[in-house]
Amino acid sequence: MTHEVPQGNESPRRVLEEILANKRKEIALRYPEKPSSFIEMFRDADWPVVIAEIKPKSPSAGKLIDENPVNLVQKFQQGGAGAISVLTDKKYFGGSPELFLQIREATKLPMLWKDFVISADQLVDAQQRGADAVLLIVTALRRQNVDLKAMINFSKALGLTPVVEVHDNRERAEALMAGANIIGVNSRNLDTLQENPFLALEVLSQIPSGRIALLFSSIKSREDVEKARQAGAKGVLVGTSILKAPDPVEKLRELTSS
């Protein structure tokens, strides 16, 4: 490759900058950004989308699933769930990456990889198993000194939609500063496992309308979904109340009925 020698007062050519600018154009044409199915389902929702959760057990509720999880997913679909969340933590929630893949092969609904993600390796694992979205918990990342914005950006680079979980207004502000587009407010304090639905609704109401707000935990009835909607939620994540219901299909129909 030959480079032109600048003459007189002519500025030196920034050859590398030209190459990189052209390369960005090539990439944009060859790999156009695809709309995320996980984001799009919330855009025009008049009633909060229900994300139904596969959670074999939990520290607060004990064992939650007796039947084949694949059968449960079929019931979730019948009941009108808009997406599926799967816990992949083994010790405390009884899940696994293998369980996620099993569910992935059984449904075409958008899926959320739900775990205590503190490493980029976990994001790669989620992407390889077909996740549409991945949960990033503000307090978990902060305690491990992991940069939230970097994890958001890496998730996007992998084609994953980052869902950033917060509990209070301080964490909400952190999520917004880091550029989170989807913010899930967990009414449960992860240290004490206590729920504070009043705080959650207040935090929800402070999320700008340009972002997608979700409510996690504390959803037990249609009335709870309505409260979330009034606070600005475009979606709700529901696990325990569906899993404990005598008829998960009917419970979901109750929650999804506007």
C-alpha atoms as a PDB file:
ATOM      1  CA  MET A   1       0.000   0.000   0.000  1.00  0.00           C
ATOM      2  CA  THR A   2       1.368   3.436  -0.908  1.00  0.00           C
ATOM      3  CA  HIS A   3       0.576   6.560   1.065  1.00  0.00           C
ATOM      4  CA  GLU A   4       0.441  10.049  -0.396  1.00  0.00           C
ATOM      5  CA  VAL A   5       2.990  12.471   0.991  1.00  0.00           C
ATOM      6  CA  PRO A   6       1.330  15.724   2.118  1.00  0.00           C
ATOM      7  CA  GLN A   7       2.398  18.762   0.122  1.00  0.00           C
ATOM      8  CA  GLY A   8       2.867  22.268   1.532  1.00  0.00           C
ATOM      9  CA  ASN A   9       0.244  23.137   4.183  1.00  0.00           C
ATOM     10  CA  GLU A  10      -1.910  20.089   3.422  1.00  0.00           C
ATOM     11  CA  SER A  11      -2.787  18.147   6.595  1.00  0.00           C
ATOM     12  CA  PRO A  12      -1.500  14.559   6.793  1.00  0.00           C
ATOM     13  CA  ARG A  13      -4.071  12.018   5.730  1.00  0.00           C
ATOM     14  CA  ARG A  14      -5.465   9.960   8.580  1.00  0.00           C
ATOM     15  CA  VAL A  15      -5.344   6.697   6.649  1.00  0.00           C
ATOM     16  CA  LEU A  16      -6.443   4.481   9.518  1.00  0.00           C
ATOM     17  CA  GLU A  17      -9.411   6.735  10.288  1.00  0.00           C
ATOM     18  CA  GLU A  18     -10.555   6.475   6.663  1.00  0.00           C
ATOM     19  CA  ILE A  19     -10.238   2.702   6.728  1.00  0.00           C
ATOM     20  CA  LEU A  20     -12.175   2.393   9.976  1.00  0.00           C
ATOM     21  CA  ALA A  21     -14.935   4.749   8.800  1.00  0.00           C
ATOM     22  CA  ASN A  22     -15.359   2.672   5.657  1.00  0.00           C
ATOM     23  CA  LYS A  23     -15.301  -0.543   7.704  1.00  0.00           C
ATOM     24  CA  ARG A  24     -18.138   0.744   9.903  1.00  0.00           C
ATOM     25  CA  LYS A  25     -20.202   1.359   6.777  1.00  0.00           C
ATOM     26  CA  GLU A  26     -19.441  -2.149   5.483  1.00  0.00           C
ATOM     27  CA  ILE A  27     -20.480  -3.725   8.781  1.00  0.00           C
ATOM     28  CA  ALA A  28     -23.700  -1.701   8.943  1.00  0.00           C
ATOM     29  CA  LEU A  29     -24.653  -2.918   5.464  1.00  0.00           C
ATOM     30  CA  ARG A  30     -23.604  -6.524   5.997  1.00  0.00           C
ATOM     31  CA  TYR A  31     -24.950  -6.949   9.518  1.00  0.00           C
ATOM     32  CA  PRO A  32     -27.946  -4.624   9.903  1.00  0.00           C
ATOM     33  CA  GLU A  33     -29.131  -4.299  13.487  1.00  0.00           C
ATOM     34  CA  LYS A  34     -32.167  -6.494  14.020  1.00  0.00           C
ATOM     35  CA  PRO A  35     -35.060  -5.306  16.163  1.00  0.00           C
ATOM     36  CA  SER A  36     -35.102  -7.186  19.461  1.00  0.00           C
ATOM     37  CA  SER A  37     -38.193  -9.337  19.884  1.00  0.00           C
ATOM     38  CA  PHE A  38     -37.793  -8.838  23.626  1.00  0.00           C
ATOM     39  CA  ILE A  39     -38.050  -5.060  23.256  1.00  0.00           C
ATOM     40  CA  GLU A  40     -40.657  -4.905  20.522  1.00  0.00           C
ATOM     41  CA  MET A  41     -43.313  -6.806  22.481  1.00  0.00           C
ATOM     42  CA  PHE A  42     -43.474  -3.956  25.007  1.00  0.00           C
ATOM     43  CA  ARG A  43     -43.649  -1.052  22.556  1.00  0.00           C
ATOM     44  CA  ASP A  44     -47.380  -0.793  21.945  1.00  0.00           C
ATOM     45  CA  ALA A  45     -48.644  -2.886  24.852  1.00  0.00           C
ATOM     46  CA  ASP A  46     -51.836  -1.419  26.360  1.00  0.00           C
ATOM     47  CA  TRP A  47     -51.631  -3.929  29.220  1.00  0.00           C
ATOM     48  CA  PRO A  48     -48.384  -5.059  30.871  1.00  0.00           C
ATOM     49  CA  VAL A  49     -46.811  -8.063  29.158  1.00  0.00           C
ATOM     50  CA  VAL A  50     -46.469 -11.012  31.539  1.00  0.00           C
ATOM     51  CA  ILE A  51     -43.041 -12.651  31.629  1.00  0.00           C
ATOM     52  CA  ALA A  52     -43.713 -16.071  33.168  1.00  0.00           C
ATOM     53  CA  GLU A  53     -40.866 -17.622  35.110  1.00  0.00           C
ATOM     54  CA  ILE A  54     -39.489 -21.146  35.340  1.00  0.00           C
ATOM     55  CA  LYS A  55     -38.033 -21.282  38.845  1.00  0.00           C
ATOM     56  CA  PRO A  56     -37.609 -24.802  40.315  1.00  0.00           C
ATOM     57  CA  LYS A  57     -37.068 -23.429  43.845  1.00  0.00           C
ATOM     58  CA  SER A  58     -36.205 -20.235  45.692  1.00  0.00           C
ATOM     59  CA  PRO A  59     -34.685 -19.241  49.052  1.00  0.00           C
ATOM     60  CA  SER A  60     -37.947 -17.562  50.069  1.00  0.00           C
ATOM     61  CA  ALA A  61     -40.504 -20.122  48.833  1.00  0.00           C
ATOM     62  CA  GLY A  62     -38.684 -23.471  48.767  1.00  0.00           C
ATOM     63  CA  LYS A  63     -39.518 -26.037  46.087  1.00  0.00           C
ATOM     64  CA  LEU A  64     -41.852 -24.677  43.416  1.00  0.00           C
ATOM     65  CA  ILE A  65     -41.900 -27.129  40.499  1.00  0.00           C
ATOM     66  CA  ASP A  66     -42.880 -30.793  40.558  1.00  0.00           C
ATOM     67  CA  GLU A  67     -43.822 -31.365  36.918  1.00  0.00           C
ATOM     68  CA  ASN A  68     -41.733 -31.328  33.754  1.00  0.00           C
ATOM     69  CA  PRO A  69     -40.747 -27.692  33.084  1.00  0.00           C
ATOM     70  CA  VAL A  70     -41.467 -28.151  29.368  1.00  0.00           C
ATOM     71  CA  ASN A  71     -45.084 -28.981  30.233  1.00  0.00           C
ATOM     72  CA  LEU A  72     -45.231 -25.815  32.309  1.00  0.00           C
ATOM     73  CA  VAL A  73     -44.014 -23.712  29.408  1.00  0.00           C
ATOM     74  CA  GLN A  74     -46.832 -25.071  27.241  1.00  0.00           C
ATOM     75  CA  LYS A  75     -49.270 -23.967  29.960  1.00  0.00           C
ATOM     76  CA  PHE A  76     -47.616 -20.551  30.110  1.00  0.00           C
ATOM     77  CA  GLN A  77     -48.179 -20.152  26.383  1.00  0.00           C
ATOM     78  CA  GLN A  78     -51.820 -21.232  26.687  1.00  0.00           C
ATOM     79  CA  GLY A  79     -52.312 -18.675  29.440  1.00  0.00           C
ATOM     80  CA  GLY A  80     -51.023 -15.804  27.312  1.00  0.00           C
ATOM     81  CA  ALA A  81     -47.485 -15.246  28.593  1.00  0.00           C
ATOM     82  CA  GLY A  82     -45.541 -12.884  26.345  1.00  0.00           C
ATOM     83  CA  ALA A  83     -42.096 -14.192  27.288  1.00  0.00           C
ATOM     84  CA  ILE A  84     -40.383 -16.807  29.447  1.00  0.00           C
ATOM     85  CA  SER A  85     -37.783 -16.231  32.159  1.00  0.00           C
ATOM     86  CA  VAL A  86     -35.604 -19.145  33.276  1.00  0.00           C
ATOM     87  CA  LEU A  87     -33.453 -19.172  36.410  1.00  0.00           C
ATOM     88  CA  THR A  88     -30.065 -20.668  35.584  1.00  0.00           C
ATOM     89  CA  ASP A  89     -28.591 -20.552  39.113  1.00  0.00           C
ATOM     90  CA  LYS A  90     -28.320 -24.128  40.419  1.00  0.00           C
ATOM     91  CA  LYS A  91     -27.603 -23.955  44.169  1.00  0.00           C
ATOM     92  CA  TYR A  92     -30.258 -21.467  45.268  1.00  0.00           C
ATOM     93  CA  PHE A  93     -32.869 -21.690  42.499  1.00  0.00           C
ATOM     94  CA  GLY A  94     -32.506 -25.201  41.107  1.00  0.00           C
ATOM     95  CA  GLY A  95     -31.920 -24.032  37.550  1.00  0.00           C
ATOM     96  CA  SER A  96     -29.086 -24.534  35.084  1.00  0.00           C
ATOM     97  CA  PRO A  97     -27.925 -23.530  31.608  1.00  0.00           C
ATOM     98  CA  GLU A  98     -29.101 -26.967  30.487  1.00  0.00           C
ATOM     99  CA  LEU A  99     -32.606 -26.236  31.777  1.00  0.00           C
ATOM    100  CA  PHE A 100     -32.593 -22.984  29.831  1.00  0.00           C
ATOM    101  CA  LEU A 101     -31.641 -24.805  26.631  1.00  0.00           C
ATOM    102  CA  GLN A 102     -34.346 -27.402  27.247  1.00  0.00           C
ATOM    103  CA  ILE A 103     -36.948 -24.636  27.480  1.00  0.00           C
ATOM    104  CA  ARG A 104     -35.439 -22.789  24.506  1.00  0.00           C
ATOM    105  CA  GLU A 105     -36.038 -25.858  22.348  1.00  0.00           C
ATOM    106  CA  ALA A 106     -39.664 -26.051  23.509  1.00  0.00           C
ATOM    107  CA  THR A 107     -40.835 -22.492  22.802  1.00  0.00           C
ATOM    108  CA  LYS A 108     -40.509 -19.677  20.287  1.00  0.00           C
ATOM    109  CA  LEU A 109     -41.418 -17.021  22.860  1.00  0.00           C
ATOM    110  CA  PRO A 110     -38.685 -14.489  23.735  1.00  0.00           C
ATOM    111  CA  MET A 111     -36.586 -15.783  26.636  1.00  0.00           C
ATOM    112  CA  LEU A 112     -34.812 -14.036  29.503  1.00  0.00           C
ATOM    113  CA  TRP A 113     -31.657 -15.594  30.973  1.00  0.00           C
ATOM    114  CA  LYS A 114     -32.045 -14.876  34.682  1.00  0.00           C
ATOM    115  CA  ASP A 115     -29.007 -15.333  36.868  1.00  0.00           C
ATOM    116  CA  PHE A 116     -26.589 -13.401  39.040  1.00  0.00           C
ATOM    117  CA  VAL A 117     -24.422 -12.324  36.129  1.00  0.00           C
ATOM    118  CA  ILE A 118     -21.030 -10.992  37.220  1.00  0.00           C
ATOM    119  CA  SER A 119     -18.842 -12.147  34.324  1.00  0.00           C
ATOM    120  CA  ALA A 120     -18.758 -11.611  30.574  1.00  0.00           C
ATOM    121  CA  ASP A 121     -18.389 -15.385  30.225  1.00  0.00           C
ATOM    122  CA  GLN A 122     -21.953 -15.769  31.498  1.00  0.00           C
ATOM    123  CA  LEU A 123     -23.192 -13.454  28.759  1.00  0.00           C
ATOM    124  CA  VAL A 124     -21.487 -15.601  26.133  1.00  0.00           C
ATOM    125  CA  ASP A 125     -23.091 -18.684  27.710  1.00  0.00           C
ATOM    126  CA  ALA A 126     -26.521 -17.045  27.500  1.00  0.00           C
ATOM    127  CA  GLN A 127     -26.005 -16.069  23.873  1.00  0.00           C
ATOM    128  CA  GLN A 128     -24.846 -19.548  22.887  1.00  0.00           C
ATOM    129  CA  ARG A 129     -27.948 -21.125  24.417  1.00  0.00           C
ATOM    130  CA  GLY A 130     -30.334 -18.909  22.518  1.00  0.00           C
ATOM    131  CA  ALA A 131     -31.269 -16.230  25.048  1.00  0.00           C
ATOM    132  CA  ASP A 132     -33.020 -13.130  23.745  1.00  0.00           C
ATOM    133  CA  ALA A 133     -32.378 -11.084  26.882  1.00  0.00           C
ATOM    134  CA  VAL A 134     -30.173 -11.267  29.954  1.00  0.00           C
ATOM    135  CA  LEU A 135     -30.647  -9.933  33.480  1.00  0.00           C
ATOM    136  CA  LEU A 136     -28.035  -7.562  34.908  1.00  0.00           C
ATOM    137  CA  ILE A 137     -28.513  -6.810  38.616  1.00  0.00           C
ATOM    138  CA  VAL A 138     -27.108  -3.427  39.608  1.00  0.00           C
ATOM    139  CA  THR A 139     -26.284  -4.323  43.210  1.00  0.00           C
ATOM    140  CA  ALA A 140     -24.634  -7.642  42.266  1.00  0.00           C
ATOM    141  CA  LEU A 141     -22.373  -6.009  39.694  1.00  0.00           C
ATOM    142  CA  ARG A 142     -21.475  -3.133  42.013  1.00  0.00           C
ATOM    143  CA  ARG A 143     -20.438  -5.486  44.818  1.00  0.00           C
ATOM    144  CA  GLN A 144     -18.176  -7.378  42.430  1.00  0.00           C
ATOM    145  CA  ASN A 145     -16.727  -4.132  41.028  1.00  0.00           C
ATOM    146  CA  VAL A 146     -18.022  -4.979  37.557  1.00  0.00           C
ATOM    147  CA  ASP A 147     -18.860  -2.018  35.327  1.00  0.00           C
ATOM    148  CA  LEU A 148     -22.578  -1.964  34.505  1.00  0.00           C
ATOM    149  CA  LYS A 149     -22.214   0.084  31.330  1.00  0.00           C
ATOM    150  CA  ALA A 150     -19.559  -2.280  29.977  1.00  0.00           C
ATOM    151  CA  MET A 151     -21.823  -5.271  30.632  1.00  0.00           C
ATOM    152  CA  ILE A 152     -24.748  -3.518  28.932  1.00  0.00           C
ATOM    153  CA  ASN A 153     -22.605  -2.782  25.890  1.00  0.00           C
ATOM    154  CA  PHE A 154     -21.158  -6.296  25.708  1.00  0.00           C
ATOM    155  CA  SER A 155     -24.649  -7.792  25.981  1.00  0.00           C
ATOM    156  CA  LYS A 156     -25.755  -5.700  23.014  1.00  0.00           C
ATOM    157  CA  ALA A 157     -22.651  -6.674  21.051  1.00  0.00           C
ATOM    158  CA  LEU A 158     -23.662 -10.313  21.520  1.00  0.00           C
ATOM    159  CA  GLY A 159     -27.171  -9.600  20.271  1.00  0.00           C
ATOM    160  CA  LEU A 160     -28.702  -9.842  23.752  1.00  0.00           C
ATOM    161  CA  THR A 161     -31.147  -7.339  25.215  1.00  0.00           C
ATOM    162  CA  PRO A 162     -29.903  -6.273  28.671  1.00  0.00           C
ATOM    163  CA  VAL A 163     -32.608  -6.019  31.330  1.00  0.00           C
ATOM    164  CA  VAL A 164     -31.198  -4.040  34.246  1.00  0.00           C
ATOM    165  CA  GLU A 165     -32.624  -4.849  37.674  1.00  0.00           C
ATOM    166  CA  VAL A 166     -32.866  -2.197  40.389  1.00  0.00           C
ATOM    167  CA  HIS A 167     -34.452  -2.068  43.833  1.00  0.00           C
ATOM    168  CA  ASP A 168     -34.395   1.587  44.860  1.00  0.00           C
ATOM    169  CA  ASN A 169     -33.988   5.074  43.419  1.00  0.00           C
ATOM    170  CA  ARG A 170     -30.218   5.107  43.812  1.00  0.00           C
ATOM    171  CA  GLU A 171     -29.959   2.002  41.638  1.00  0.00           C
ATOM    172  CA  ARG A 172     -32.513   3.429  39.208  1.00  0.00           C
ATOM    173  CA  ALA A 173     -30.251   6.450  38.731  1.00  0.00           C
ATOM    174  CA  GLU A 174     -27.249   4.165  38.176  1.00  0.00           C
ATOM    175  CA  ALA A 175     -29.139   2.194  35.544  1.00  0.00           C
ATOM    176  CA  LEU A 176     -30.172   5.341  33.695  1.00  0.00           C
ATOM    177  CA  MET A 177     -26.638   6.756  33.788  1.00  0.00           C
ATOM    178  CA  ALA A 178     -25.310   3.496  32.349  1.00  0.00           C
ATOM    179  CA  GLY A 179     -27.728   3.725  29.430  1.00  0.00           C
ATOM    180  CA  ALA A 180     -30.204   0.992  30.362  1.00  0.00           C
ATOM    181  CA  ASN A 181     -33.202   0.886  28.023  1.00  0.00           C
ATOM    182  CA  ILE A 182     -35.128  -1.760  29.962  1.00  0.00           C
ATOM    183  CA  ILE A 183     -35.249  -1.390  33.745  1.00  0.00           C
ATOM    184  CA  GLY A 184     -36.859  -3.988  35.975  1.00  0.00           C
ATOM    185  CA  VAL A 185     -37.758  -2.872  39.491  1.00  0.00           C
ATOM    186  CA  ASN A 186     -37.550  -5.728  41.985  1.00  0.00           C
ATOM    187  CA  SER A 187     -39.744  -5.156  45.007  1.00  0.00           C
ATOM    188  CA  ARG A 188     -37.698  -7.782  46.854  1.00  0.00           C
ATOM    189  CA  ASN A 189     -34.554  -6.766  48.728  1.00  0.00           C
ATOM    190  CA  LEU A 190     -32.007  -9.417  47.729  1.00  0.00           C
ATOM    191  CA  ASP A 191     -30.209  -9.211  51.086  1.00  0.00           C
ATOM    192  CA  THR A 192     -33.221  -9.642  53.361  1.00  0.00           C
ATOM    193  CA  LEU A 193     -35.644 -11.239  50.831  1.00  0.00           C
ATOM    194  CA  GLN A 194     -38.298  -8.855  52.146  1.00  0.00           C
ATOM    195  CA  GLU A 195     -40.719  -7.304  49.643  1.00  0.00           C
ATOM    196  CA  ASN A 196     -41.620  -3.625  49.537  1.00  0.00           C
ATOM    197  CA  PRO A 197     -44.238  -3.177  46.789  1.00  0.00           C
ATOM    198  CA  PHE A 198     -44.831   0.465  47.751  1.00  0.00           C
ATOM    199  CA  LEU A 199     -41.170   1.353  47.169  1.00  0.00           C
ATOM    200  CA  ALA A 200     -41.187  -0.613  43.906  1.00  0.00           C
ATOM    201  CA  LEU A 201     -44.170   1.311  42.545  1.00  0.00           C
ATOM    202  CA  GLU A 202     -42.579   4.617  43.550  1.00  0.00           C
ATOM    203  CA  VAL A 203     -39.325   3.700  41.771  1.00  0.00           C
ATOM    204  CA  LEU A 204     -41.297   2.533  38.724  1.00  0.00           C
ATOM    205  CA  SER A 205     -43.031   5.880  38.481  1.00  0.00           C
ATOM    206  CA  GLN A 206     -39.641   7.647  38.290  1.00  0.00           C
ATOM    207  CA  ILE A 207     -38.445   5.778  35.190  1.00  0.00           C
ATOM    208  CA  PRO A 208     -38.623   8.086  32.137  1.00  0.00           C
ATOM    209  CA  SER A 209     -41.292   7.261  29.563  1.00  0.00           C
ATOM    210  CA  GLY A 210     -38.613   6.766  26.911  1.00  0.00           C
ATOM    211  CA  ARG A 211     -37.358   3.668  28.747  1.00  0.00           C
ATOM    212  CA  ILE A 212     -39.197   0.373  29.230  1.00  0.00           C
ATOM    213  CA  ALA A 213     -40.155  -0.203  32.871  1.00  0.00           C
ATOM    214  CA  LEU A 214     -40.896  -3.651  34.305  1.00  0.00           C
ATOM    215  CA  LEU A 215     -41.983  -4.811  37.756  1.00  0.00           C
ATOM    216  CA  PHE A 216     -40.468  -7.913  39.366  1.00  0.00           C
ATOM    217  CA  SER A 217     -41.965  -9.764  42.375  1.00  0.00           C
ATOM    218  CA  SER A 218     -45.108  -8.966  44.392  1.00  0.00           C
ATOM    219  CA  ILE A 219     -47.473  -9.811  41.507  1.00  0.00           C
ATOM    220  CA  LYS A 220     -50.207 -12.003  42.903  1.00  0.00           C
ATOM    221  CA  SER A 221     -53.392 -10.704  41.272  1.00  0.00           C
ATOM    222  CA  ARG A 222     -54.796  -8.733  38.362  1.00  0.00           C
ATOM    223  CA  GLU A 223     -55.078  -5.781  40.742  1.00  0.00           C
ATOM    224  CA  ASP A 224     -51.299  -5.892  41.253  1.00  0.00           C
ATOM    225  CA  VAL A 225     -50.778  -5.798  37.484  1.00  0.00           C
ATOM    226  CA  GLU A 226     -53.118  -2.808  37.250  1.00  0.00           C
ATOM    227  CA  LYS A 227     -51.121  -0.969  39.937  1.00  0.00           C
ATOM    228  CA  ALA A 228     -47.937  -1.685  38.011  1.00  0.00           C
ATOM    229  CA  ARG A 229     -49.535  -0.376  34.807  1.00  0.00           C
ATOM    230  CA  GLN A 230     -50.612   2.837  36.509  1.00  0.00           C
ATOM    231  CA  ALA A 231     -47.039   3.333  37.747  1.00  0.00           C
ATOM    232  CA  GLY A 232     -45.735   3.033  34.191  1.00  0.00           C
ATOM    233  CA  ALA A 233     -44.849  -0.655  33.843  1.00  0.00           C
ATOM    234  CA  LYS A 234     -44.907  -2.130  30.353  1.00  0.00           C
ATOM    235  CA  GLY A 235     -44.378  -5.620  31.711  1.00  0.00           C
ATOM    236  CA  VAL A 236     -44.353  -7.726  34.867  1.00  0.00           C
ATOM    237  CA  LEU A 237     -42.254 -10.752  35.738  1.00  0.00           C
ATOM    238  CA  VAL A 238     -44.232 -13.382  37.626  1.00  0.00           C
ATOM    239  CA  GLY A 239     -42.972 -16.673  39.026  1.00  0.00           C
ATOM    240  CA  THR A 240     -44.124 -17.871  42.420  1.00  0.00           C
ATOM    241  CA  SER A 241     -47.810 -16.943  42.191  1.00  0.00           C
ATOM    242  CA  ILE A 242     -48.154 -18.777  38.861  1.00  0.00           C
ATOM    243  CA  LEU A 243     -46.155 -21.804  39.982  1.00  0.00           C
ATOM    244  CA  LYS A 244     -48.172 -22.140  43.201  1.00  0.00           C
ATOM    245  CA  ALA A 245     -51.539 -21.680  41.486  1.00  0.00           C
ATOM    246  CA  PRO A 246     -53.797 -24.773  41.232  1.00  0.00           C
ATOM    247  CA  ASP A 247     -54.231 -23.942  37.536  1.00  0.00           C
ATOM    248  CA  PRO A 248     -51.315 -21.960  36.033  1.00  0.00           C
ATOM    249  CA  VAL A 249     -53.221 -21.407  32.774  1.00  0.00           C
ATOM    250  CA  GLU A 250     -56.155 -19.749  34.521  1.00  0.00           C
ATOM    251  CA  LYS A 251     -53.835 -17.731  36.748  1.00  0.00           C
ATOM    252  CA  LEU A 252     -52.020 -16.379  33.722  1.00  0.00           C
ATOM    253  CA  ARG A 253     -55.279 -15.562  31.971  1.00  0.00           C
ATOM    254  CA  GLU A 254     -56.275 -13.568  35.038  1.00  0.00           C
ATOM    255  CA  LEU A 255     -52.998 -11.625  34.969  1.00  0.00           C
ATOM    256  CA  THR A 256     -52.982 -11.025  31.209  1.00  0.00           C
ATOM    257  CA  SER A 257     -56.627  -9.979  30.948  1.00  0.00           C
ATOM    258  CA  SER A 258     -56.997  -6.238  30.420  1.00  0.00           C
END
